[in-house]
Amino acid sequence: YYVQGGVSLGYAAQIADMDKESFIKFLGENKVSIFQYDSKEEFLE
């Protein structure tokens, strides 16, 4: 869901039943960057 852009990092962590920090580590283990924004505005949001 996160990679496809369907949900935010926070929602993805909720789906995974993990805290954000643990989910970010899980993303890293799977070679997925948390920086997947099309624009600066999207990142700031």
All heavy atoms as atom14 arrays in JSON, in Angstrom:
{
  "sequence": "YYVQGGVSLGYAAQIADMDKESFIKFLGENKVSIFQYDSKEEFLE",
  "atom14_mask": [
    [1, 1, 1, 1, 1, 1, 1, 1, 1, 1, 1, 1, 0, 0],
    [1, 1, 1, 1, 1, 1, 1, 1, 1, 1, 1, 1, 0, 0],
    [1, 1, 1, 1, 1, 1, 1, 0, 0, 0, 0, 0, 0, 0],
    [1, 1, 1, 1, 1, 1, 1, 1, 1, 0, 0, 0, 0, 0],
    [1, 1, 1, 1, 0, 0, 0, 0, 0, 0, 0, 0, 0, 0],
    [1, 1, 1, 1, 0, 0, 0, 0, 0, 0, 0, 0, 0, 0],
    [1, 1, 1, 1, 1, 1, 1, 0, 0, 0, 0, 0, 0, 0],
    [1, 1, 1, 1, 1, 1, 0, 0, 0, 0, 0, 0, 0, 0],
    [1, 1, 1, 1, 1, 1, 1, 1, 0, 0, 0, 0, 0, 0],
    [1, 1, 1, 1, 0, 0, 0, 0, 0, 0, 0, 0, 0, 0],
    [1, 1, 1, 1, 1, 1, 1, 1, 1, 1, 1, 1, 0, 0],
    [1, 1, 1, 1, 1, 0, 0, 0, 0, 0, 0, 0, 0, 0],
    [1, 1, 1, 1, 1, 0, 0, 0, 0, 0, 0, 0, 0, 0],
    [1, 1, 1, 1, 1, 1, 1, 1, 1, 0, 0, 0, 0, 0],
    [1, 1, 1, 1, 1, 1, 1, 1, 0, 0, 0, 0, 0, 0],
    [1, 1, 1, 1, 1, 0, 0, 0, 0, 0, 0, 0, 0, 0],
    [1, 1, 1, 1, 1, 1, 1, 1, 0, 0, 0, 0, 0, 0],
    [1, 1, 1, 1, 1, 1, 1, 1, 0, 0, 0, 0, 0, 0],
    [1, 1, 1, 1, 1, 1, 1, 1, 0, 0, 0, 0, 0, 0],
    [1, 1, 1, 1, 1, 1, 1, 1, 1, 0, 0, 0, 0, 0],
    [1, 1, 1, 1, 1, 1, 1, 1, 1, 0, 0, 0, 0, 0],
    [1, 1, 1, 1, 1, 1, 0, 0, 0, 0, 0, 0, 0, 0],
    [1, 1, 1, 1, 1, 1, 1, 1, 1, 1, 1, 0, 0, 0],
    [1, 1, 1, 1, 1, 1, 1, 1, 0, 0, 0, 0, 0, 0],
    [1, 1, 1, 1, 1, 1, 1, 1, 1, 0, 0, 0, 0, 0],
    [1, 1, 1, 1, 1, 1, 1, 1, 1, 1, 1, 0, 0, 0],
    [1, 1, 1, 1, 1, 1, 1, 1, 0, 0, 0, 0, 0, 0],
    [1, 1, 1, 1, 0, 0, 0, 0, 0, 0, 0, 0, 0, 0],
    [1, 1, 1, 1, 1, 1, 1, 1, 1, 0, 0, 0, 0, 0],
    [1, 1, 1, 1, 1, 1, 1, 1, 0, 0, 0, 0, 0, 0],
    [1, 1, 1, 1, 1, 1, 1, 1, 1, 0, 0, 0, 0, 0],
    [1, 1, 1, 1, 1, 1, 1, 0, 0, 0, 0, 0, 0, 0],
    [1, 1, 1, 1, 1, 1, 0, 0, 0, 0, 0, 0, 0, 0],
    [1, 1, 1, 1, 1, 1, 1, 1, 0, 0, 0, 0, 0, 0],
    [1, 1, 1, 1, 1, 1, 1, 1, 1, 1, 1, 0, 0, 0],
    [1, 1, 1, 1, 1, 1, 1, 1, 1, 0, 0, 0, 0, 0],
    [1, 1, 1, 1, 1, 1, 1, 1, 1, 1, 1, 1, 0, 0],
    [1, 1, 1, 1, 1, 1, 1, 1, 0, 0, 0, 0, 0, 0],
    [1, 1, 1, 1, 1, 1, 0, 0, 0, 0, 0, 0, 0, 0],
    [1, 1, 1, 1, 1, 1, 1, 1, 1, 0, 0, 0, 0, 0],
    [1, 1, 1, 1, 1, 1, 1, 1, 1, 0, 0, 0, 0, 0],
    [1, 1, 1, 1, 1, 1, 1, 1, 1, 0, 0, 0, 0, 0],
    [1, 1, 1, 1, 1, 1, 1, 1, 1, 1, 1, 0, 0, 0],
    [1, 1, 1, 1, 1, 1, 1, 1, 0, 0, 0, 0, 0, 0],
    [1, 1, 1, 1, 1, 1, 1, 1, 1, 0, 0, 0, 0, 0]
  ],
  "atom14_positions": [
    [[0.85, -1.2, 0.0], [0.0, 0.0, 0.0], [0.88, 1.25, 0.0], [0.62, 2.21, -0.71], [-0.92, 0.04, 1.22], [-2.22, -0.68, 1.06], [-2.58, -1.69, 1.95], [-3.12, -0.35, 0.04], [-3.79, -2.34, 1.83], [-4.33, -1.0, -0.09], [-4.67, -2.0, 0.81], [-5.86, -2.64, 0.69], [0.0, 0.0, 0.0], [0.0, 0.0, 0.0]],
    [[1.92, 1.24, 0.81], [2.82, 2.39, 0.91], [3.55, 2.62, -0.41], [3.59, 3.74, -0.93], [3.81, 2.21, 2.05], [4.73, 3.38, 2.21], [4.27, 4.58, 2.75], [6.05, 3.31, 1.78], [5.11, 5.68, 2.86], [6.89, 4.4, 1.9], [6.42, 5.59, 2.43], [7.24, 6.67, 2.54], [0.0, 0.0, 0.0], [0.0, 0.0, 0.0]],
    [[4.14, 1.57, -0.97], [4.91, 1.69, -2.21], [4.02, 2.17, -3.36], [4.44, 2.99, -4.17], [5.58, 0.34, -2.57], [6.13, 0.35, -3.99], [6.69, 0.05, -1.58], [0.0, 0.0, 0.0], [0.0, 0.0, 0.0], [0.0, 0.0, 0.0], [0.0, 0.0, 0.0], [0.0, 0.0, 0.0], [0.0, 0.0, 0.0], [0.0, 0.0, 0.0]],
    [[2.81, 1.7, -3.42], [1.9, 2.1, -4.49], [1.35, 3.51, -4.28], [0.64, 4.02, -5.13], [0.73, 1.1, -4.59], [1.15, -0.3, -4.97], [1.85, -0.37, -6.32], [1.44, 0.3, -7.27], [2.91, -1.15, -6.4], [0.0, 0.0, 0.0], [0.0, 0.0, 0.0], [0.0, 0.0, 0.0], [0.0, 0.0, 0.0], [0.0, 0.0, 0.0]],
    [[1.69, 4.11, -3.15], [1.25, 5.47, -2.9], [-0.18, 5.57, -2.4], [-0.76, 6.65, -2.37], [0.0, 0.0, 0.0], [0.0, 0.0, 0.0], [0.0, 0.0, 0.0], [0.0, 0.0, 0.0], [0.0, 0.0, 0.0], [0.0, 0.0, 0.0], [0.0, 0.0, 0.0], [0.0, 0.0, 0.0], [0.0, 0.0, 0.0], [0.0, 0.0, 0.0]],
    [[-0.72, 4.46, -1.98], [-2.11, 4.46, -1.53], [-2.31, 4.97, -0.13], [-3.4, 5.45, 0.2], [0.0, 0.0, 0.0], [0.0, 0.0, 0.0], [0.0, 0.0, 0.0], [0.0, 0.0, 0.0], [0.0, 0.0, 0.0], [0.0, 0.0, 0.0], [0.0, 0.0, 0.0], [0.0, 0.0, 0.0], [0.0, 0.0, 0.0], [0.0, 0.0, 0.0]],
    [[-1.28, 4.88, 0.71], [-1.43, 5.31, 2.1], [-0.15, 6.0, 2.57], [0.93, 5.78, 2.03], [-1.74, 4.13, 3.05], [-3.06, 3.48, 2.72], [-0.64, 3.1, 3.06], [0.0, 0.0, 0.0], [0.0, 0.0, 0.0], [0.0, 0.0, 0.0], [0.0, 0.0, 0.0], [0.0, 0.0, 0.0], [0.0, 0.0, 0.0], [0.0, 0.0, 0.0]],
    [[-0.31, 6.81, 3.6], [0.84, 7.5, 4.19], [1.66, 6.52, 5.02], [1.23, 5.4, 5.31], [0.34, 8.63, 5.09], [-0.32, 8.08, 6.23], [0.0, 0.0, 0.0], [0.0, 0.0, 0.0], [0.0, 0.0, 0.0], [0.0, 0.0, 0.0], [0.0, 0.0, 0.0], [0.0, 0.0, 0.0], [0.0, 0.0, 0.0], [0.0, 0.0, 0.0]],
    [[2.8, 6.98, 5.44], [3.67, 6.19, 6.3], [2.95, 5.81, 7.59], [3.01, 4.67, 8.04], [4.94, 6.99, 6.61], [5.99, 6.31, 7.46], [6.58, 5.12, 6.72], [7.08, 7.29, 7.82], [0.0, 0.0, 0.0], [0.0, 0.0, 0.0], [0.0, 0.0, 0.0], [0.0, 0.0, 0.0], [0.0, 0.0, 0.0], [0.0, 0.0, 0.0]],
    [[2.24, 6.75, 8.16], [1.5, 6.5, 9.41], [0.42, 5.44, 9.25], [0.29, 4.55, 10.09], [0.0, 0.0, 0.0], [0.0, 0.0, 0.0], [0.0, 0.0, 0.0], [0.0, 0.0, 0.0], [0.0, 0.0, 0.0], [0.0, 0.0, 0.0], [0.0, 0.0, 0.0], [0.0, 0.0, 0.0], [0.0, 0.0, 0.0], [0.0, 0.0, 0.0]],
    [[-0.36, 5.55, 8.17], [-1.4, 4.55, 7.94], [-0.79, 3.19, 7.64], [-1.29, 2.15, 8.08], [-2.34, 4.97, 6.82], [-3.38, 5.97, 7.23], [-3.64, 7.08, 6.45], [-4.12, 5.82, 8.4], [-4.59, 8.02, 6.82], [-5.07, 6.74, 8.78], [-5.3, 7.84, 7.98], [-6.25, 8.75, 8.35], [0.0, 0.0, 0.0], [0.0, 0.0, 0.0]],
    [[0.29, 3.17, 6.88], [0.95, 1.9, 6.57], [1.45, 1.24, 7.85], [1.3, 0.02, 8.03], [2.09, 2.12, 5.58], [0.0, 0.0, 0.0], [0.0, 0.0, 0.0], [0.0, 0.0, 0.0], [0.0, 0.0, 0.0], [0.0, 0.0, 0.0], [0.0, 0.0, 0.0], [0.0, 0.0, 0.0], [0.0, 0.0, 0.0], [0.0, 0.0, 0.0]],
    [[2.02, 2.02, 8.74], [2.49, 1.48, 10.03], [1.31, 0.9, 10.82], [1.44, -0.16, 11.43], [3.2, 2.56, 10.84], [0.0, 0.0, 0.0], [0.0, 0.0, 0.0], [0.0, 0.0, 0.0], [0.0, 0.0, 0.0], [0.0, 0.0, 0.0], [0.0, 0.0, 0.0], [0.0, 0.0, 0.0], [0.0, 0.0, 0.0], [0.0, 0.0, 0.0]],
    [[0.18, 1.59, 10.77], [-1.03, 1.08, 11.45], [-1.46, -0.25, 10.86], [-1.78, -1.19, 11.6], [-2.18, 2.07, 11.28], [-2.5, 2.88, 12.48], [-3.76, 3.7, 12.25], [-3.86, 4.43, 11.27], [-4.69, 3.57, 13.15], [0.0, 0.0, 0.0], [0.0, 0.0, 0.0], [0.0, 0.0, 0.0], [0.0, 0.0, 0.0], [0.0, 0.0, 0.0]],
    [[-1.5, -0.34, 9.53], [-1.89, -1.59, 8.87], [-0.95, -2.71, 9.29], [-1.39, -3.83, 9.56], [-1.88, -1.42, 7.33], [-3.0, -0.46, 6.89], [-2.04, -2.77, 6.63], [-2.86, 0.03, 5.46], [0.0, 0.0, 0.0], [0.0, 0.0, 0.0], [0.0, 0.0, 0.0], [0.0, 0.0, 0.0], [0.0, 0.0, 0.0], [0.0, 0.0, 0.0]],
    [[0.34, -2.4, 9.36], [1.34, -3.4, 9.73], [1.33, -3.72, 11.22], [2.02, -4.63, 11.66], [2.73, -2.91, 9.32], [0.0, 0.0, 0.0], [0.0, 0.0, 0.0], [0.0, 0.0, 0.0], [0.0, 0.0, 0.0], [0.0, 0.0, 0.0], [0.0, 0.0, 0.0], [0.0, 0.0, 0.0], [0.0, 0.0, 0.0], [0.0, 0.0, 0.0]],
    [[0.57, -2.95, 11.99], [0.52, -3.1, 13.44], [1.9, -2.87, 14.05], [2.37, -3.63, 14.9], [-0.04, -4.46, 13.84], [-0.47, -4.52, 15.31], [-0.8, -3.47, 15.87], [-0.47, -5.63, 15.88], [0.0, 0.0, 0.0], [0.0, 0.0, 0.0], [0.0, 0.0, 0.0], [0.0, 0.0, 0.0], [0.0, 0.0, 0.0], [0.0, 0.0, 0.0]],
    [[2.55, -1.81, 13.56], [3.89, -1.44, 14.01], [3.91, 0.05, 14.33], [3.07, 0.79, 13.81], [4.92, -1.72, 12.91], [4.97, -3.15, 12.43], [5.97, -3.32, 10.93], [7.58, -3.47, 11.66], [0.0, 0.0, 0.0], [0.0, 0.0, 0.0], [0.0, 0.0, 0.0], [0.0, 0.0, 0.0], [0.0, 0.0, 0.0], [0.0, 0.0, 0.0]],
    [[4.88, 0.47, 15.15], [5.07, 1.9, 15.3], [5.82, 2.41, 14.07], [6.38, 1.62, 13.3], [5.8, 2.24, 16.61], [7.17, 1.61, 16.7], [8.02, 1.86, 15.82], [7.41, 0.83, 17.65], [0.0, 0.0, 0.0], [0.0, 0.0, 0.0], [0.0, 0.0, 0.0], [0.0, 0.0, 0.0], [0.0, 0.0, 0.0], [0.0, 0.0, 0.0]],
    [[5.8, 3.72, 13.86], [6.42, 4.28, 12.65], [7.89, 3.93, 12.52], [8.37, 3.6, 11.45], [6.24, 5.79, 12.61], [4.89, 6.26, 12.17], [4.89, 7.78, 12.05], [3.54, 8.3, 11.69], [3.55, 9.77, 11.58], [0.0, 0.0, 0.0], [0.0, 0.0, 0.0], [0.0, 0.0, 0.0], [0.0, 0.0, 0.0], [0.0, 0.0, 0.0]],
    [[8.62, 4.01, 13.63], [10.06, 3.73, 13.59], [10.32, 2.3, 13.13], [11.18, 2.06, 12.28], [10.67, 3.96, 14.96], [12.17, 3.75, 14.99], [12.79, 4.0, 16.36], [12.22, 4.76, 17.15], [13.85, 3.4, 16.62], [0.0, 0.0, 0.0], [0.0, 0.0, 0.0], [0.0, 0.0, 0.0], [0.0, 0.0, 0.0], [0.0, 0.0, 0.0]],
    [[9.58, 1.35, 13.67], [9.75, -0.06, 13.27], [9.37, -0.26, 11.82], [10.03, -1.02, 11.09], [8.91, -0.97, 14.16], [9.33, -0.88, 15.5], [0.0, 0.0, 0.0], [0.0, 0.0, 0.0], [0.0, 0.0, 0.0], [0.0, 0.0, 0.0], [0.0, 0.0, 0.0], [0.0, 0.0, 0.0], [0.0, 0.0, 0.0], [0.0, 0.0, 0.0]],
    [[8.32, 0.43, 11.38], [7.9, 0.28, 9.98], [8.94, 0.88, 9.04], [9.23, 0.31, 7.99], [6.53, 0.92, 9.74], [5.98, 0.6, 8.38], [5.56, -0.68, 8.05], [5.91, 1.58, 7.41], [5.09, -0.98, 6.79], [5.43, 1.3, 6.13], [5.02, 0.01, 5.83], [0.0, 0.0, 0.0], [0.0, 0.0, 0.0], [0.0, 0.0, 0.0]],
    [[9.54, 2.0, 9.43], [10.6, 2.6, 8.6], [11.77, 1.63, 8.48], [12.34, 1.46, 7.4], [11.04, 3.96, 9.18], [9.93, 5.0, 8.97], [12.35, 4.44, 8.56], [10.13, 6.3, 9.73], [0.0, 0.0, 0.0], [0.0, 0.0, 0.0], [0.0, 0.0, 0.0], [0.0, 0.0, 0.0], [0.0, 0.0, 0.0], [0.0, 0.0, 0.0]],
    [[12.14, 0.98, 9.57], [13.21, -0.02, 9.53], [12.82, -1.17, 8.61], [13.65, -1.67, 7.83], [13.51, -0.55, 10.93], [14.23, 0.45, 11.8], [14.47, -0.1, 13.19], [15.1, 0.94, 14.08], [15.25, 0.48, 15.47], [0.0, 0.0, 0.0], [0.0, 0.0, 0.0], [0.0, 0.0, 0.0], [0.0, 0.0, 0.0], [0.0, 0.0, 0.0]],
    [[11.56, -1.62, 8.69], [11.06, -2.69, 7.82], [11.15, -2.26, 6.35], [11.57, -3.05, 5.49], [9.62, -3.04, 8.2], [8.97, -4.05, 7.31], [9.39, -5.36, 7.3], [7.92, -3.68, 6.49], [8.78, -6.31, 6.47], [7.3, -4.61, 5.68], [7.74, -5.92, 5.66], [0.0, 0.0, 0.0], [0.0, 0.0, 0.0], [0.0, 0.0, 0.0]],
    [[10.8, -1.01, 6.07], [10.92, -0.52, 4.69], [12.37, -0.58, 4.24], [12.66, -1.03, 3.13], [10.41, 0.92, 4.59], [8.9, 1.14, 4.73], [8.58, 2.63, 4.76], [8.14, 0.44, 3.62], [0.0, 0.0, 0.0], [0.0, 0.0, 0.0], [0.0, 0.0, 0.0], [0.0, 0.0, 0.0], [0.0, 0.0, 0.0], [0.0, 0.0, 0.0]],
    [[13.29, -0.14, 5.09], [14.71, -0.17, 4.75], [15.19, -1.58, 4.48], [15.97, -1.81, 3.55], [0.0, 0.0, 0.0], [0.0, 0.0, 0.0], [0.0, 0.0, 0.0], [0.0, 0.0, 0.0], [0.0, 0.0, 0.0], [0.0, 0.0, 0.0], [0.0, 0.0, 0.0], [0.0, 0.0, 0.0], [0.0, 0.0, 0.0], [0.0, 0.0, 0.0]],
    [[14.74, -2.54, 5.29], [15.11, -3.95, 5.08], [14.64, -4.45, 3.73], [15.21, -5.39, 3.17], [14.51, -4.83, 6.18], [15.11, -4.59, 7.55], [14.27, -5.18, 8.68], [13.25, -5.85, 8.42], [14.65, -4.96, 9.85], [0.0, 0.0, 0.0], [0.0, 0.0, 0.0], [0.0, 0.0, 0.0], [0.0, 0.0, 0.0], [0.0, 0.0, 0.0]],
    [[13.59, -3.82, 3.19], [13.02, -4.21, 1.91], [13.38, -3.24, 0.8], [12.74, -3.2, -0.25], [11.5, -4.36, 2.04], [11.15, -5.61, 2.81], [11.12, -6.7, 2.25], [10.94, -5.48, 4.12], [0.0, 0.0, 0.0], [0.0, 0.0, 0.0], [0.0, 0.0, 0.0], [0.0, 0.0, 0.0], [0.0, 0.0, 0.0], [0.0, 0.0, 0.0]],
    [[14.43, -2.43, 1.06], [14.98, -1.5, 0.06], [13.94, -0.49, -0.44], [13.93, -0.12, -1.61], [15.57, -2.26, -1.14], [16.51, -3.38, -0.77], [17.86, -2.86, -0.38], [18.87, -3.97, -0.26], [19.18, -4.4, 1.06], [0.0, 0.0, 0.0], [0.0, 0.0, 0.0], [0.0, 0.0, 0.0], [0.0, 0.0, 0.0], [0.0, 0.0, 0.0]],
    [[13.08, -0.03, 0.47], [12.07, 0.97, 0.13], [12.41, 2.24, 0.89], [12.54, 2.23, 2.11], [10.65, 0.49, 0.51], [9.63, 1.59, 0.27], [10.28, -0.77, -0.25], [0.0, 0.0, 0.0], [0.0, 0.0, 0.0], [0.0, 0.0, 0.0], [0.0, 0.0, 0.0], [0.0, 0.0, 0.0], [0.0, 0.0, 0.0], [0.0, 0.0, 0.0]],
    [[12.57, 3.33, 0.16], [12.88, 4.62, 0.77], [11.6, 5.27, 1.29], [10.54, 5.13, 0.69], [13.53, 5.54, -0.26], [13.67, 6.84, 0.27], [0.0, 0.0, 0.0], [0.0, 0.0, 0.0], [0.0, 0.0, 0.0], [0.0, 0.0, 0.0], [0.0, 0.0, 0.0], [0.0, 0.0, 0.0], [0.0, 0.0, 0.0], [0.0, 0.0, 0.0]],
    [[11.74, 6.0, 2.38], [10.59, 6.75, 2.88], [10.42, 8.06, 2.12], [9.41, 8.73, 2.27], [10.68, 7.03, 4.39], [11.89, 7.89, 4.73], [10.66, 5.74, 5.17], [11.9, 8.42, 6.14], [0.0, 0.0, 0.0], [0.0, 0.0, 0.0], [0.0, 0.0, 0.0], [0.0, 0.0, 0.0], [0.0, 0.0, 0.0], [0.0, 0.0, 0.0]],
    [[11.38, 8.4, 1.29], [11.31, 9.65, 0.54], [10.78, 9.37, -0.86], [11.53, 9.19, -1.8], [12.69, 10.32, 0.49], [13.22, 10.59, 1.87], [14.26, 9.83, 2.38], [12.66, 11.58, 2.65], [14.74, 10.06, 3.66], [13.13, 11.82, 3.93], [14.17, 11.06, 4.44], [0.0, 0.0, 0.0], [0.0, 0.0, 0.0], [0.0, 0.0, 0.0]],
    [[9.45, 9.33, -0.97], [8.8, 9.03, -2.25], [7.77, 10.11, -2.55], [6.57, 9.85, -2.62], [8.11, 7.67, -2.18], [9.03, 6.53, -1.91], [8.3, 5.22, -1.88], [7.11, 5.15, -2.06], [9.03, 4.16, -1.66], [0.0, 0.0, 0.0], [0.0, 0.0, 0.0], [0.0, 0.0, 0.0], [0.0, 0.0, 0.0], [0.0, 0.0, 0.0]],
    [[8.23, 11.3, -2.74], [7.32, 12.41, -2.95], [7.53, 13.0, -4.32], [8.65, 13.12, -4.8], [7.52, 13.48, -1.86], [7.34, 12.89, -0.49], [8.43, 12.56, 0.3], [6.07, 12.62, 0.0], [8.26, 12.0, 1.55], [5.89, 12.05, 1.25], [6.99, 11.75, 2.02], [6.81, 11.18, 3.25], [0.0, 0.0, 0.0], [0.0, 0.0, 0.0]],
    [[6.42, 13.39, -4.95], [6.49, 13.98, -6.28], [6.85, 15.46, -6.24], [7.3, 16.03, -7.22], [5.15, 13.81, -7.0], [4.86, 12.34, -7.29], [5.81, 11.57, -7.49], [3.67, 11.97, -7.31], [0.0, 0.0, 0.0], [0.0, 0.0, 0.0], [0.0, 0.0, 0.0], [0.0, 0.0, 0.0], [0.0, 0.0, 0.0], [0.0, 0.0, 0.0]],
    [[6.62, 16.08, -5.07], [6.9, 17.5, -4.97], [7.29, 17.87, -3.54], [7.04, 17.11, -2.59], [5.66, 18.31, -5.36], [4.63, 18.12, -4.4], [0.0, 0.0, 0.0], [0.0, 0.0, 0.0], [0.0, 0.0, 0.0], [0.0, 0.0, 0.0], [0.0, 0.0, 0.0], [0.0, 0.0, 0.0], [0.0, 0.0, 0.0], [0.0, 0.0, 0.0]],
    [[7.87, 19.03, -3.4], [8.24, 19.54, -2.08], [6.99, 19.73, -1.23], [6.99, 19.42, -0.03], [8.99, 20.87, -2.23], [9.4, 21.5, -0.94], [10.12, 22.82, -1.18], [10.43, 23.5, 0.14], [11.07, 24.8, -0.08], [0.0, 0.0, 0.0], [0.0, 0.0, 0.0], [0.0, 0.0, 0.0], [0.0, 0.0, 0.0], [0.0, 0.0, 0.0]],
    [[5.91, 20.19, -1.83], [4.66, 20.41, -1.11], [4.11, 19.11, -0.53], [3.63, 19.06, 0.59], [3.61, 21.07, -2.01], [3.93, 22.5, -2.4], [5.01, 22.61, -3.48], [5.21, 21.66, -4.26], [5.66, 23.68, -3.54], [0.0, 0.0, 0.0], [0.0, 0.0, 0.0], [0.0, 0.0, 0.0], [0.0, 0.0, 0.0], [0.0, 0.0, 0.0]],
    [[4.2, 18.06, -1.32], [3.72, 16.74, -0.86], [4.54, 16.27, 0.34], [4.0, 15.75, 1.31], [3.81, 15.73, -2.01], [3.17, 14.41, -1.7], [3.24, 13.44, -2.87], [3.64, 13.83, -3.99], [2.88, 12.27, -2.66], [0.0, 0.0, 0.0], [0.0, 0.0, 0.0], [0.0, 0.0, 0.0], [0.0, 0.0, 0.0], [0.0, 0.0, 0.0]],
    [[5.85, 16.47, 0.29], [6.72, 16.09, 1.41], [6.39, 16.9, 2.65], [6.28, 16.35, 3.75], [8.19, 16.3, 1.0], [9.16, 16.05, 2.14], [9.38, 14.78, 2.6], [9.83, 17.11, 2.73], [10.27, 14.54, 3.64], [10.72, 16.89, 3.77], [10.94, 15.6, 4.23], [0.0, 0.0, 0.0], [0.0, 0.0, 0.0], [0.0, 0.0, 0.0]],
    [[6.21, 18.2, 2.5], [5.88, 19.06, 3.64], [4.52, 18.7, 4.25], [4.35, 18.73, 5.47], [5.93, 20.53, 3.23], [7.32, 21.06, 2.86], [7.24, 22.48, 2.33], [8.26, 20.98, 4.05], [0.0, 0.0, 0.0], [0.0, 0.0, 0.0], [0.0, 0.0, 0.0], [0.0, 0.0, 0.0], [0.0, 0.0, 0.0], [0.0, 0.0, 0.0]],
    [[3.57, 18.33, 3.4], [2.25, 17.9, 3.89], [2.37, 16.63, 4.71], [1.76, 16.49, 5.77], [1.3, 17.68, 2.71], [-0.1, 17.3, 3.1], [-0.86, 18.42, 3.82], [-0.55, 19.6, 3.61], [-1.78, 18.1, 4.59], [0.0, 0.0, 0.0], [0.0, 0.0, 0.0], [0.0, 0.0, 0.0], [0.0, 0.0, 0.0], [0.0, 0.0, 0.0]]
  ]
}
